[in-house]
């Protein structure tokens, strides 16, 4: 069943790319494996999945020990400052840089190990109190702090849009793409716009049409 689902999702990605003349090779699928048993992850791995996303640090670490080493683990959930030390050298990408306080903690913990953290800035595109993320007007302040770091590299942005219909989804995805494109045009230290992470099971086809590559 897992293999069949992955095949269908890949077809949907290809169809969505075709609609807007994009190369499907530009789009990476994250298998969000939070709360799923290791057996299901093993099935997904056997079907070709190599990028997995987990919400909780402890769950990610326990699964990482039971699965092959070539998996790229993404931490996609809210990251608490007291948990940063546990993921140093263990994750490929942190999706949820949402504050200067968290940035400073990531910088400090990675510096201790002489490693570099690859992160995405999480933007609260819908200005929802229930969601983490930096507000659009506060992005520049976070960028200034990132530029002072030596052990953190921002690789792009991540958004979780408000629930809505297709018109609403397109609005927020398009708004996110504009922010991404604007940041791409500027030269920053430690910041390179390579990844636009947006879209979930219910809306990823629209997200791809609006420019998501993860």
Protein backbone atom coordinates (compact mmCIF):
# COMPACT_ATOMS: atom_id res chain seq x y z
CA UNK A 1 0.00 0.00 0.00
CA UNK A 2 2.83 2.41 0.88
CA UNK A 3 4.61 1.70 -2.41
CA UNK A 4 1.39 2.24 -4.38
CA UNK A 5 0.79 5.56 -2.62
CA UNK A 6 4.31 6.76 -3.39
CA UNK A 7 3.93 5.87 -7.05
CA UNK A 8 0.64 7.78 -7.23
CA UNK A 9 2.10 10.83 -5.50
CA UNK A 10 5.04 10.83 -7.90
CA UNK A 11 2.60 10.74 -10.82
CA UNK A 12 0.73 13.68 -9.31
CA UNK A 13 4.00 15.60 -8.99
CA UNK A 14 4.81 14.93 -12.65
CA UNK A 15 1.33 15.99 -13.78
CA UNK A 16 1.49 19.18 -11.69
CA UNK A 17 4.89 20.05 -13.14
CA UNK A 18 3.66 19.41 -16.67
CA UNK A 19 0.84 21.95 -16.22
CA UNK A 20 3.35 24.74 -15.60
CA UNK A 21 6.22 23.45 -17.76
CA UNK A 22 8.46 22.51 -14.84
CA UNK A 23 10.96 19.67 -14.66
CA UNK A 24 9.69 17.08 -12.13
CA UNK A 25 13.34 16.52 -11.23
CA UNK A 26 13.28 19.94 -9.54
CA UNK A 27 10.78 18.72 -6.94
CA UNK A 28 11.74 16.59 -3.95
CA UNK A 29 9.08 14.65 -2.05
CA UNK A 30 9.35 14.42 1.73
CA UNK A 31 7.73 11.33 3.22
CA UNK A 32 6.33 12.75 6.45
CA UNK A 33 6.78 9.82 8.78
CA UNK A 34 5.74 11.31 12.12
CA UNK A 35 3.75 8.87 14.29
CA UNK A 36 4.20 6.12 11.69
CA UNK A 37 5.75 2.77 12.72
CA UNK A 38 9.26 1.87 11.58
CA UNK A 39 7.83 -0.96 9.45
CA UNK A 40 5.94 1.56 7.35
CA UNK A 41 9.09 3.64 6.88
CA UNK A 42 10.93 0.51 5.78
CA UNK A 43 8.23 -0.08 3.16
CA UNK A 44 8.58 3.49 1.92
CA UNK A 45 12.36 3.11 1.80
CA UNK A 46 12.03 -0.10 -0.22
CA UNK A 47 9.76 1.81 -2.62
CA UNK A 48 12.43 4.46 -3.14
CA UNK A 49 11.81 7.13 -0.49
CA UNK A 50 15.05 8.63 0.84
CA UNK A 51 13.82 11.85 2.45
CA UNK A 52 11.80 11.55 5.65
CA UNK A 53 10.29 14.27 7.81
CA UNK A 54 9.73 14.02 11.55
CA UNK A 55 8.07 16.47 13.94
CA UNK A 56 9.65 15.36 17.21
CA UNK A 57 13.33 15.09 18.01
CA UNK A 58 13.10 11.91 20.09
CA UNK A 59 11.02 10.09 17.51
CA UNK A 60 13.42 11.08 14.75
CA UNK A 61 16.44 9.84 16.68
CA UNK A 62 14.86 6.49 17.58
CA UNK A 63 13.84 5.82 13.98
CA UNK A 64 17.18 6.96 12.61
CA UNK A 65 18.91 4.18 14.55
CA UNK A 66 16.69 1.53 12.95
CA UNK A 67 16.88 2.63 9.31
CA UNK A 68 19.59 2.85 6.61
CA UNK A 69 22.25 5.55 6.78
CA UNK A 70 21.51 7.05 3.36
CA UNK A 71 18.20 8.56 4.50
CA UNK A 72 18.08 12.34 4.70
CA UNK A 73 16.22 13.23 7.89
CA UNK A 74 14.35 16.53 7.97
CA UNK A 75 13.08 18.02 11.22
CA UNK A 76 9.85 19.65 10.13
CA UNK A 77 8.20 20.36 13.49
CA UNK A 78 8.65 23.12 16.03
CA UNK A 79 12.13 22.85 17.55
CA UNK A 80 12.51 23.68 21.22
CA UNK A 81 15.80 25.26 22.25
CA UNK A 82 16.47 22.57 24.86
CA UNK A 83 16.29 19.87 22.16
CA UNK A 84 18.77 21.40 19.70
CA UNK A 85 21.79 19.64 21.23
CA UNK A 86 20.32 16.23 20.44
CA UNK A 87 20.06 16.76 16.68
CA UNK A 88 23.52 18.17 15.99
CA UNK A 89 24.99 16.10 13.15
CA UNK A 90 21.83 13.97 12.97
CA UNK A 91 19.55 15.90 10.59
CA UNK A 92 20.01 16.97 6.99
CA UNK A 93 17.76 20.02 7.25
CA UNK A 94 15.90 21.91 9.99
CA UNK A 95 12.69 23.40 8.59
CA UNK A 96 11.58 25.47 11.54
CA UNK A 97 13.93 28.37 12.24
CA UNK A 98 11.37 30.79 13.61
CA UNK A 99 13.15 33.15 16.02
CA UNK A 100 16.48 34.76 16.87
CA UNK A 101 16.47 32.92 20.19
CA UNK A 102 16.32 29.56 18.40
CA UNK A 103 18.91 30.72 15.87
CA UNK A 104 21.36 31.60 18.64
CA UNK A 105 20.86 28.21 20.27
CA UNK A 106 21.45 26.36 16.98
CA UNK A 107 24.58 28.45 16.38
CA UNK A 108 25.88 27.72 19.88
CA UNK A 109 25.29 23.95 19.80
CA UNK A 110 26.69 23.47 16.30
CA UNK A 111 29.72 25.60 17.14
CA UNK A 112 30.54 23.24 20.03
CA UNK A 113 30.78 20.42 17.49
CA UNK A 114 32.40 22.48 14.73
CA UNK A 115 29.51 21.67 12.39
CA UNK A 116 27.14 23.73 10.22
CA UNK A 117 23.36 23.54 10.50
CA UNK A 118 21.36 23.78 7.28
CA UNK A 119 18.02 25.42 8.03
CA UNK A 120 14.93 26.95 6.47
CA UNK A 121 13.34 30.12 7.81
CA UNK A 122 9.77 29.32 8.76
CA UNK A 123 7.47 32.18 7.80
CA UNK A 124 4.03 32.53 9.35
CA UNK A 125 2.50 33.49 6.02
CA UNK A 126 -1.08 33.44 7.31
CA UNK A 127 -0.27 35.36 10.52
CA UNK A 128 -1.93 32.60 12.55
CA UNK A 129 -1.46 32.67 16.31
CA UNK A 130 -1.61 28.86 16.38
CA UNK A 131 1.43 28.53 14.11
CA UNK A 132 5.13 29.18 14.61
CA UNK A 133 7.17 31.24 12.20
CA UNK A 134 8.52 34.71 11.72
CA UNK A 135 6.12 37.36 10.43
CA UNK A 136 6.86 38.90 7.05
CA UNK A 137 7.82 42.27 8.55
CA UNK A 138 10.32 40.59 10.89
CA UNK A 139 12.23 38.63 8.23
CA UNK A 140 14.93 41.29 7.83
CA UNK A 141 15.69 41.24 11.56
CA UNK A 142 16.16 37.46 11.49
CA UNK A 143 18.32 37.73 8.37
CA UNK A 144 20.63 40.25 10.08
CA UNK A 145 21.10 37.78 12.94
CA UNK A 146 21.80 34.90 10.52
CA UNK A 147 24.49 36.95 8.79
CA UNK A 148 26.40 37.16 12.08
CA UNK A 149 26.52 33.36 12.43
CA UNK A 150 29.36 31.02 11.55
CA UNK A 151 27.59 27.69 11.99
CA UNK A 152 24.14 28.24 10.45
CA UNK A 153 23.29 28.36 6.75
CA UNK A 154 19.79 29.30 5.59
CA UNK A 155 18.88 27.31 2.48
CA UNK A 156 15.42 28.75 1.85
CA UNK A 157 12.02 29.21 3.42
CA UNK A 158 9.22 27.00 4.69
CA UNK A 159 5.57 27.90 5.07
CA UNK A 160 2.48 26.13 6.40
CA UNK A 161 -0.48 27.94 4.92
CA UNK A 162 -3.90 28.39 6.57
CA UNK A 163 -6.52 25.80 5.71
CA UNK A 164 -8.71 26.99 2.86
CA UNK A 165 -10.02 26.43 -0.64
CA UNK A 166 -7.99 26.39 -3.84
CA UNK A 167 -8.22 30.17 -4.29
CA UNK A 168 -6.95 30.76 -0.76
CA UNK A 169 -4.21 28.15 -1.15
CA UNK A 170 -2.95 29.73 -4.36
CA UNK A 171 -2.95 33.16 -2.74
CA UNK A 172 -0.71 32.07 0.15
CA UNK A 173 1.56 29.89 -2.00
CA UNK A 174 1.97 32.72 -4.51
CA UNK A 175 2.69 35.19 -1.71
CA UNK A 176 5.35 32.84 -0.33
CA UNK A 177 6.93 32.47 -3.78
CA UNK A 178 7.16 36.25 -4.10
CA UNK A 179 9.02 36.45 -0.77
CA UNK A 180 11.32 33.63 -1.90
CA UNK A 181 12.01 35.35 -5.24
CA UNK A 182 12.64 38.69 -3.56
CA UNK A 183 15.16 37.15 -1.16
CA UNK A 184 16.78 35.29 -4.07
CA UNK A 185 17.69 38.58 -5.73
CA UNK A 186 19.70 39.83 -2.76
CA UNK A 187 23.19 38.94 -1.62
CA UNK A 188 23.39 37.84 1.99
CA UNK A 189 26.01 36.15 4.09
CA UNK A 190 24.98 32.59 5.10
CA UNK A 191 21.74 32.77 3.13
CA UNK A 192 21.03 31.16 -0.25
CA UNK A 193 17.51 30.67 -1.58
CA UNK A 194 17.59 27.10 -2.87
CA UNK A 195 14.54 25.52 -1.21
CA UNK A 196 10.90 26.58 -1.13
CA UNK A 197 9.21 24.09 1.16
CA UNK A 198 5.41 24.26 1.04
CA UNK A 199 2.44 22.02 0.37
CA UNK A 200 0.97 19.01 2.16
CA UNK A 201 -1.06 15.96 1.18
CA UNK A 202 -4.20 17.94 0.37
CA UNK A 203 -2.63 20.85 -1.50
CA UNK A 204 0.84 19.84 -2.76
CA UNK A 205 -0.26 19.83 -6.40
CA UNK A 206 -1.18 23.52 -6.16
CA UNK A 207 2.01 24.25 -4.21
CA UNK A 208 4.10 22.75 -7.02
CA UNK A 209 2.24 24.80 -9.63
CA UNK A 210 3.04 27.91 -7.56
CA UNK A 211 6.76 27.11 -7.28
CA UNK A 212 7.42 24.70 -4.39
CA UNK A 213 10.46 22.47 -4.88
CA UNK A 214 10.20 20.56 -1.60
